[in-house]
């Protein structure tokens, strides 16, 4: 059985072996930003991109895997 793990960049820091174990076990992982800021849509575009890019870099450096999924903290995004 698989589960998708949403990894927060600053939480991967110091727990790289846990992140590697998740990836090595074949679980999909998602980028969940670096600092888990729930007001992501209110950030300036460059700050939003930095949150995503920093997490992507940290996750990759810990696991040698690049997430292709993204989950915004707090389900932030357009609402209908």
PDB file of N, CA and C in Angstrom:
ATOM      1  N   UNK A   1       0.842  -1.172   0.000  1.00  0.00           N
ATOM      2  CA  UNK A   1       0.000   0.000   0.000  1.00  0.00           C
ATOM      3  C   UNK A   1       0.890   1.240   0.000  1.00  0.00           C
ATOM      4  N   UNK A   2       0.472   2.248  -0.739  1.00  0.00           N
ATOM      5  CA  UNK A   2       1.219   3.495  -0.811  1.00  0.00           C
ATOM      6  C   UNK A   2       0.410   4.635  -0.215  1.00  0.00           C
ATOM      7  N   UNK A   3       1.142   5.643   0.249  1.00  0.00           N
ATOM      8  CA  UNK A   3       0.545   6.889   0.734  1.00  0.00           C
ATOM      9  C   UNK A   3       1.363   8.033   0.169  1.00  0.00           C
ATOM     10  N   UNK A   4       0.722   9.136  -0.145  1.00  0.00           N
ATOM     11  CA  UNK A   4       1.444  10.322  -0.602  1.00  0.00           C
ATOM     12  C   UNK A   4       1.858  11.126   0.616  1.00  0.00           C
ATOM     13  N   UNK A   5       3.144  11.452   0.686  1.00  0.00           N
ATOM     14  CA  UNK A   5       3.693  12.237   1.787  1.00  0.00           C
ATOM     15  C   UNK A   5       3.961  13.651   1.287  1.00  0.00           C
ATOM     16  N   UNK A   6       3.390  14.642   1.976  1.00  0.00           N
ATOM     17  CA  UNK A   6       3.607  16.048   1.653  1.00  0.00           C
ATOM     18  C   UNK A   6       4.740  16.541   2.546  1.00  0.00           C
ATOM     19  N   UNK A   7       5.877  16.822   1.924  1.00  0.00           N
ATOM     20  CA  UNK A   7       7.076  17.174   2.676  1.00  0.00           C
ATOM     21  C   UNK A   7       7.269  18.683   2.736  1.00  0.00           C
ATOM     22  N   UNK A   8       7.500  19.178   3.941  1.00  0.00           N
ATOM     23  CA  UNK A   8       7.787  20.590   4.201  1.00  0.00           C
ATOM     24  C   UNK A   8       9.302  20.721   4.276  1.00  0.00           C
ATOM     25  N   UNK A   9       9.846  21.606   3.459  1.00  0.00           N
ATOM     26  CA  UNK A   9      11.299  21.723   3.347  1.00  0.00           C
ATOM     27  C   UNK A   9      12.026  21.878   4.666  1.00  0.00           C
ATOM     28  N   UNK A  10      11.568  22.793   5.534  1.00  0.00           N
ATOM     29  CA  UNK A  10      12.305  23.011   6.783  1.00  0.00           C
ATOM     30  C   UNK A  10      12.123  21.855   7.761  1.00  0.00           C
ATOM     31  N   UNK A  11      11.157  20.966   7.516  1.00  0.00           N
ATOM     32  CA  UNK A  11      10.992  19.778   8.351  1.00  0.00           C
ATOM     33  C   UNK A  11      11.833  18.611   7.828  1.00  0.00           C
ATOM     34  N   UNK A  12      12.163  18.645   6.550  1.00  0.00           N
ATOM     35  CA  UNK A  12      13.075  17.640   5.996  1.00  0.00           C
ATOM     36  C   UNK A  12      14.473  17.878   6.568  1.00  0.00           C
ATOM     37  N   UNK A  13      14.821  19.158   6.727  1.00  0.00           N
ATOM     38  CA  UNK A  13      16.137  19.509   7.286  1.00  0.00           C
ATOM     39  C   UNK A  13      16.276  18.869   8.671  1.00  0.00           C
ATOM     40  N   UNK A  14      17.298  18.068   8.823  1.00  0.00           N
ATOM     41  CA  UNK A  14      17.522  17.365  10.075  1.00  0.00           C
ATOM     42  C   UNK A  14      16.862  15.995  10.122  1.00  0.00           C
ATOM     43  N   UNK A  15      16.018  15.710   9.129  1.00  0.00           N
ATOM     44  CA  UNK A  15      15.333  14.415   9.059  1.00  0.00           C
ATOM     45  C   UNK A  15      15.477  13.829   7.650  1.00  0.00           C
ATOM     46  N   UNK A  16      16.631  14.083   7.056  1.00  0.00           N
ATOM     47  CA  UNK A  16      16.874  13.613   5.685  1.00  0.00           C
ATOM     48  C   UNK A  16      16.717  12.102   5.551  1.00  0.00           C
ATOM     49  N   UNK A  17      17.138  11.358   6.566  1.00  0.00           N
ATOM     50  CA  UNK A  17      17.041   9.897   6.475  1.00  0.00           C
ATOM     51  C   UNK A  17      15.581   9.440   6.438  1.00  0.00           C
ATOM     52  N   UNK A  18      14.712  10.136   7.125  1.00  0.00           N
ATOM     53  CA  UNK A  18      13.284   9.797   7.099  1.00  0.00           C
ATOM     54  C   UNK A  18      12.729  10.051   5.696  1.00  0.00           C
ATOM     55  N   UNK A  19      13.063  11.194   5.117  1.00  0.00           N
ATOM     56  CA  UNK A  19      12.597  11.512   3.762  1.00  0.00           C
ATOM     57  C   UNK A  19      13.112  10.478   2.769  1.00  0.00           C
ATOM     58  N   UNK A  20      14.374  10.078   2.906  1.00  0.00           N
ATOM     59  CA  UNK A  20      14.937   9.047   2.020  1.00  0.00           C
ATOM     60  C   UNK A  20      14.204   7.719   2.185  1.00  0.00           C
ATOM     61  N   UNK A  21      13.886   7.354   3.413  1.00  0.00           N
ATOM     62  CA  UNK A  21      13.170   6.106   3.676  1.00  0.00           C
ATOM     63  C   UNK A  21      11.809   6.102   2.995  1.00  0.00           C
ATOM     64  N   UNK A  22      11.107   7.236   3.051  1.00  0.00           N
ATOM     65  CA  UNK A  22       9.791   7.361   2.403  1.00  0.00           C
ATOM     66  C   UNK A  22       9.920   7.143   0.902  1.00  0.00           C
ATOM     67  N   UNK A  23      10.885   7.825   0.281  1.00  0.00           N
ATOM     68  CA  UNK A  23      11.081   7.706  -1.165  1.00  0.00           C
ATOM     69  C   UNK A  23      11.541   6.302  -1.535  1.00  0.00           C
ATOM     70  N   UNK A  24      12.485   5.758  -0.774  1.00  0.00           N
ATOM     71  CA  UNK A  24      12.994   4.413  -1.066  1.00  0.00           C
ATOM     72  C   UNK A  24      11.917   3.346  -0.949  1.00  0.00           C
ATOM     73  N   UNK A  25      10.911   3.594  -0.120  1.00  0.00           N
ATOM     74  CA  UNK A  25       9.805   2.652   0.036  1.00  0.00           C
ATOM     75  C   UNK A  25       8.789   2.769  -1.114  1.00  0.00           C
ATOM     76  N   UNK A  26       9.002   3.733  -2.014  1.00  0.00           N
ATOM     77  CA  UNK A  26       8.141   3.868  -3.185  1.00  0.00           C
ATOM     78  C   UNK A  26       6.920   4.753  -3.006  1.00  0.00           C
ATOM     79  N   UNK A  27       6.866   5.498  -1.898  1.00  0.00           N
ATOM     80  CA  UNK A  27       5.732   6.387  -1.683  1.00  0.00           C
ATOM     81  C   UNK A  27       5.887   7.658  -2.516  1.00  0.00           C
ATOM     82  N   UNK A  28       4.813   8.139  -3.131  1.00  0.00           N
ATOM     83  CA  UNK A  28       4.874   9.432  -3.822  1.00  0.00           C
ATOM     84  C   UNK A  28       5.075  10.546  -2.791  1.00  0.00           C
ATOM     85  N   UNK A  29       5.797  11.585  -3.191  1.00  0.00           N
ATOM     86  CA  UNK A  29       5.980  12.736  -2.314  1.00  0.00           C
ATOM     87  C   UNK A  29       5.544  14.003  -3.026  1.00  0.00           C
ATOM     88  N   UNK A  30       5.075  14.946  -2.225  1.00  0.00           N
ATOM     89  CA  UNK A  30       4.636  16.241  -2.742  1.00  0.00           C
ATOM     90  C   UNK A  30       5.405  17.345  -2.042  1.00  0.00           C
ATOM     91  N   UNK A  31       5.664  18.401  -2.766  1.00  0.00           N
ATOM     92  CA  UNK A  31       6.263  19.616  -2.222  1.00  0.00           C
ATOM     93  C   UNK A  31       5.149  20.352  -1.474  1.00  0.00           C
ATOM     94  N   UNK A  32       5.387  20.649  -0.198  1.00  0.00           N
ATOM     95  CA  UNK A  32       4.378  21.319   0.640  1.00  0.00           C
ATOM     96  C   UNK A  32       4.938  22.652   1.151  1.00  0.00           C
ATOM     97  N   UNK A  33       5.796  23.274   0.359  1.00  0.00           N
ATOM     98  CA  UNK A  33       6.518  24.529   0.597  1.00  0.00           C
ATOM     99  C   UNK A  33       7.624  24.358   1.637  1.00  0.00           C
ATOM    100  N   UNK A  34       8.395  25.399   1.823  1.00  0.00           N
ATOM    101  CA  UNK A  34       9.522  25.335   2.752  1.00  0.00           C
ATOM    102  C   UNK A  34       9.098  25.625   4.187  1.00  0.00           C
ATOM    103  N   UNK A  35       8.247  26.630   4.381  1.00  0.00           N
ATOM    104  CA  UNK A  35       7.869  27.055   5.733  1.00  0.00           C
ATOM    105  C   UNK A  35       6.411  26.798   6.094  1.00  0.00           C
ATOM    106  N   UNK A  36       5.648  26.159   5.210  1.00  0.00           N
ATOM    107  CA  UNK A  36       4.227  25.856   5.446  1.00  0.00           C
ATOM    108  C   UNK A  36       3.416  27.127   5.733  1.00  0.00           C
ATOM    109  N   UNK A  37       3.604  28.125   4.911  1.00  0.00           N
ATOM    110  CA  UNK A  37       2.860  29.378   5.056  1.00  0.00           C
ATOM    111  C   UNK A  37       1.452  29.206   4.496  1.00  0.00           C
ATOM    112  N   UNK A  38       0.445  29.370   5.342  1.00  0.00           N
ATOM    113  CA  UNK A  38      -0.925  29.164   4.886  1.00  0.00           C
ATOM    114  C   UNK A  38      -1.457  30.328   4.060  1.00  0.00           C
ATOM    115  N   UNK A  39      -0.808  31.470   4.081  1.00  0.00           N
ATOM    116  CA  UNK A  39      -1.241  32.618   3.293  1.00  0.00           C
ATOM    117  C   UNK A  39      -0.517  32.715   1.966  1.00  0.00           C
ATOM    118  N   UNK A  40      -0.165  31.592   1.394  1.00  0.00           N
ATOM    119  CA  UNK A  40       0.623  31.564   0.161  1.00  0.00           C
ATOM    120  C   UNK A  40       0.047  32.454  -0.944  1.00  0.00           C
ATOM    121  N   UNK A  41      -1.260  32.439  -1.209  1.00  0.00           N
ATOM    122  CA  UNK A  41      -1.785  33.270  -2.296  1.00  0.00           C
ATOM    123  C   UNK A  41      -1.603  34.777  -2.069  1.00  0.00           C
ATOM    124  N   UNK A  42      -1.413  35.189  -0.823  1.00  0.00           N
ATOM    125  CA  UNK A  42      -1.240  36.609  -0.531  1.00  0.00           C
ATOM    126  C   UNK A  42       0.217  37.063  -0.663  1.00  0.00           C
ATOM    127  N   UNK A  43       1.140  36.134  -0.853  1.00  0.00           N
ATOM    128  CA  UNK A  43       2.547  36.494  -0.982  1.00  0.00           C
ATOM    129  C   UNK A  43       2.831  37.093  -2.355  1.00  0.00           C
ATOM    130  N   UNK A  44       3.887  37.885  -2.397  1.00  0.00           N
ATOM    131  CA  UNK A  44       4.367  38.364  -3.692  1.00  0.00           C
ATOM    132  C   UNK A  44       4.800  37.141  -4.513  1.00  0.00           C
ATOM    133  N   UNK A  45       4.630  37.195  -5.826  1.00  0.00           N
ATOM    134  CA  UNK A  45       4.974  36.029  -6.656  1.00  0.00           C
ATOM    135  C   UNK A  45       6.395  35.502  -6.425  1.00  0.00           C
ATOM    136  N   UNK A  46       7.356  36.396  -6.236  1.00  0.00           N
ATOM    137  CA  UNK A  46       8.740  35.929  -6.037  1.00  0.00           C
ATOM    138  C   UNK A  46       8.911  35.213  -4.697  1.00  0.00           C
ATOM    139  N   UNK A  47       8.178  35.636  -3.668  1.00  0.00           N
ATOM    140  CA  UNK A  47       8.241  34.969  -2.364  1.00  0.00           C
ATOM    141  C   UNK A  47       7.542  33.604  -2.444  1.00  0.00           C
ATOM    142  N   UNK A  48       6.439  33.543  -3.158  1.00  0.00           N
ATOM    143  CA  UNK A  48       5.736  32.276  -3.346  1.00  0.00           C
ATOM    144  C   UNK A  48       6.649  31.278  -4.070  1.00  0.00           C
ATOM    145  N   UNK A  49       7.275  31.738  -5.135  1.00  0.00           N
ATOM    146  CA  UNK A  49       8.187  30.885  -5.910  1.00  0.00           C
ATOM    147  C   UNK A  49       9.355  30.429  -5.042  1.00  0.00           C
ATOM    148  N   UNK A  50       9.881  31.317  -4.190  1.00  0.00           N
ATOM    149  CA  UNK A  50      10.985  30.974  -3.301  1.00  0.00           C
ATOM    150  C   UNK A  50      10.585  29.859  -2.334  1.00  0.00           C
ATOM    151  N   UNK A  51       9.369  29.929  -1.783  1.00  0.00           N
ATOM    152  CA  UNK A  51       8.870  28.893  -0.872  1.00  0.00           C
ATOM    153  C   UNK A  51       8.842  27.521  -1.561  1.00  0.00           C
ATOM    154  N   UNK A  52       8.387  27.513  -2.787  1.00  0.00           N
ATOM    155  CA  UNK A  52       8.283  26.263  -3.536  1.00  0.00           C
ATOM    156  C   UNK A  52       9.673  25.771  -3.949  1.00  0.00           C
ATOM    157  N   UNK A  53      10.489  26.675  -4.483  1.00  0.00           N
ATOM    158  CA  UNK A  53      11.824  26.293  -4.952  1.00  0.00           C
ATOM    159  C   UNK A  53      12.730  25.817  -3.821  1.00  0.00           C
ATOM    160  N   UNK A  54      12.695  26.502  -2.680  1.00  0.00           N
ATOM    161  CA  UNK A  54      13.532  26.084  -1.552  1.00  0.00           C
ATOM    162  C   UNK A  54      13.152  24.688  -1.075  1.00  0.00           C
ATOM    163  N   UNK A  55      11.869  24.403  -1.013  1.00  0.00           N
ATOM    164  CA  UNK A  55      11.424  23.063  -0.617  1.00  0.00           C
ATOM    165  C   UNK A  55      11.853  22.037  -1.657  1.00  0.00           C
ATOM    166  N   UNK A  56      11.684  22.373  -2.916  1.00  0.00           N
ATOM    167  CA  UNK A  56      12.067  21.456  -3.993  1.00  0.00           C
ATOM    168  C   UNK A  56      13.554  21.114  -3.887  1.00  0.00           C
ATOM    169  N   UNK A  57      14.377  22.132  -3.665  1.00  0.00           N
ATOM    170  CA  UNK A  57      15.825  21.924  -3.542  1.00  0.00           C
ATOM    171  C   UNK A  57      16.164  21.059  -2.334  1.00  0.00           C
ATOM    172  N   UNK A  58      15.525  21.324  -1.196  1.00  0.00           N
ATOM    173  CA  UNK A  58      15.812  20.562   0.022  1.00  0.00           C
ATOM    174  C   UNK A  58      15.374  19.111  -0.128  1.00  0.00           C
ATOM    175  N   UNK A  59      14.200  18.893  -0.676  1.00  0.00           N
ATOM    176  CA  UNK A  59      13.702  17.531  -0.871  1.00  0.00           C
ATOM    177  C   UNK A  59      14.622  16.769  -1.819  1.00  0.00           C
ATOM    178  N   UNK A  60      15.014  17.409  -2.903  1.00  0.00           N
ATOM    179  CA  UNK A  60      15.904  16.744  -3.855  1.00  0.00           C
ATOM    180  C   UNK A  60      17.259  16.432  -3.226  1.00  0.00           C
ATOM    181  N   UNK A  61      17.820  17.377  -2.495  1.00  0.00           N
ATOM    182  CA  UNK A  61      19.143  17.138  -1.899  1.00  0.00           C
ATOM    183  C   UNK A  61      19.095  16.021  -0.861  1.00  0.00           C
ATOM    184  N   UNK A  62      17.955  15.830  -0.219  1.00  0.00           N
ATOM    185  CA  UNK A  62      17.816  14.776   0.792  1.00  0.00           C
ATOM    186  C   UNK A  62      17.507  13.414   0.185  1.00  0.00           C
ATOM    187  N   UNK A  63      16.828  13.396  -0.961  1.00  0.00           N
ATOM    188  CA  UNK A  63      16.295  12.129  -1.473  1.00  0.00           C
ATOM    189  C   UNK A  63      16.758  11.758  -2.880  1.00  0.00           C
ATOM    190  N   UNK A  64      17.375  12.693  -3.603  1.00  0.00           N
ATOM    191  CA  UNK A  64      17.703  12.508  -5.027  1.00  0.00           C
ATOM    192  C   UNK A  64      16.438  12.296  -5.862  1.00  0.00           C
ATOM    193  N   UNK A  65      15.326  12.805  -5.365  1.00  0.00           N
ATOM    194  CA  UNK A  65      14.047  12.692  -6.065  1.00  0.00           C
ATOM    195  C   UNK A  65      13.423  14.088  -6.170  1.00  0.00           C
ATOM    196  N   UNK A  66      12.937  14.422  -7.353  1.00  0.00           N
ATOM    197  CA  UNK A  66      12.264  15.700  -7.557  1.00  0.00           C
ATOM    198  C   UNK A  66      10.754  15.494  -7.502  1.00  0.00           C
ATOM    199  N   UNK A  67      10.075  16.110  -6.523  1.00  0.00           N
ATOM    200  CA  UNK A  67       8.614  15.967  -6.469  1.00  0.00           C
ATOM    201  C   UNK A  67       7.956  16.543  -7.720  1.00  0.00           C
ATOM    202  N   UNK A  68       6.958  15.847  -8.202  1.00  0.00           N
ATOM    203  CA  UNK A  68       6.162  16.359  -9.327  1.00  0.00           C
ATOM    204  C   UNK A  68       4.786  16.791  -8.854  1.00  0.00           C
ATOM    205  N   UNK A  69       4.505  16.578  -7.566  1.00  0.00           N
ATOM    206  CA  UNK A  69       3.239  17.003  -6.973  1.00  0.00           C
ATOM    207  C   UNK A  69       3.482  18.201  -6.071  1.00  0.00           C
ATOM    208  N   UNK A  70       2.496  19.074  -5.971  1.00  0.00           N
ATOM    209  CA  UNK A  70       2.558  20.213  -5.056  1.00  0.00           C
ATOM    210  C   UNK A  70       1.232  20.284  -4.312  1.00  0.00           C
ATOM    211  N   UNK A  71       1.316  20.499  -3.012  1.00  0.00           N
ATOM    212  CA  UNK A  71       0.108  20.712  -2.197  1.00  0.00           C
ATOM    213  C   UNK A  71       0.296  21.999  -1.427  1.00  0.00           C
ATOM    214  N   UNK A  72      -0.570  22.938  -1.661  1.00  0.00           N
ATOM    215  CA  UNK A  72      -0.498  24.231  -0.986  1.00  0.00           C
ATOM    216  C   UNK A  72      -0.938  24.076   0.475  1.00  0.00           C
ATOM    217  N   UNK A  73      -0.206  24.674   1.409  1.00  0.00           N
ATOM    218  CA  UNK A  73      -0.606  24.593   2.826  1.00  0.00           C
ATOM    219  C   UNK A  73      -1.987  25.210   3.056  1.00  0.00           C
ATOM    220  N   UNK A  74      -2.766  24.564   3.877  1.00  0.00           N
ATOM    221  CA  UNK A  74      -4.093  25.084   4.194  1.00  0.00           C
ATOM    222  C   UNK A  74      -5.053  25.073   3.034  1.00  0.00           C
ATOM    223  N   UNK A  75      -4.772  24.256   2.032  1.00  0.00           N
ATOM    224  CA  UNK A  75      -5.609  24.186   0.829  1.00  0.00           C
ATOM    225  C   UNK A  75      -5.752  25.564   0.184  1.00  0.00           C
ATOM    226  N   UNK A  76      -4.710  26.392   0.302  1.00  0.00           N
ATOM    227  CA  UNK A  76      -4.734  27.730  -0.271  1.00  0.00           C
ATOM    228  C   UNK A  76      -4.802  27.673  -1.780  1.00  0.00           C
ATOM    229  N   UNK A  77      -5.541  28.546  -2.344  1.00  0.00           N
ATOM    230  CA  UNK A  77      -5.655  28.618  -3.790  1.00  0.00           C
ATOM    231  C   UNK A  77      -7.000  29.201  -4.169  1.00  0.00           C
ATOM    232  N   UNK A  78      -7.302  29.205  -5.458  1.00  0.00           N
ATOM    233  CA  UNK A  78      -8.577  29.759  -5.900  1.00  0.00           C
ATOM    234  C   UNK A  78      -9.747  28.974  -5.328  1.00  0.00           C
ATOM    235  N   UNK A  79     -10.771  29.686  -4.933  1.00  0.00           N
ATOM    236  CA  UNK A  79     -11.979  29.058  -4.425  1.00  0.00           C
ATOM    237  C   UNK A  79     -13.131  29.372  -5.365  1.00  0.00           C
ATOM    238  N   UNK A  80     -14.032  28.432  -5.477  1.00  0.00           N
ATOM    239  CA  UNK A  80     -15.180  28.620  -6.374  1.00  0.00           C
ATOM    240  C   UNK A  80     -16.404  28.992  -5.600  1.00  0.00           C
TER     241      UNK A  80
END
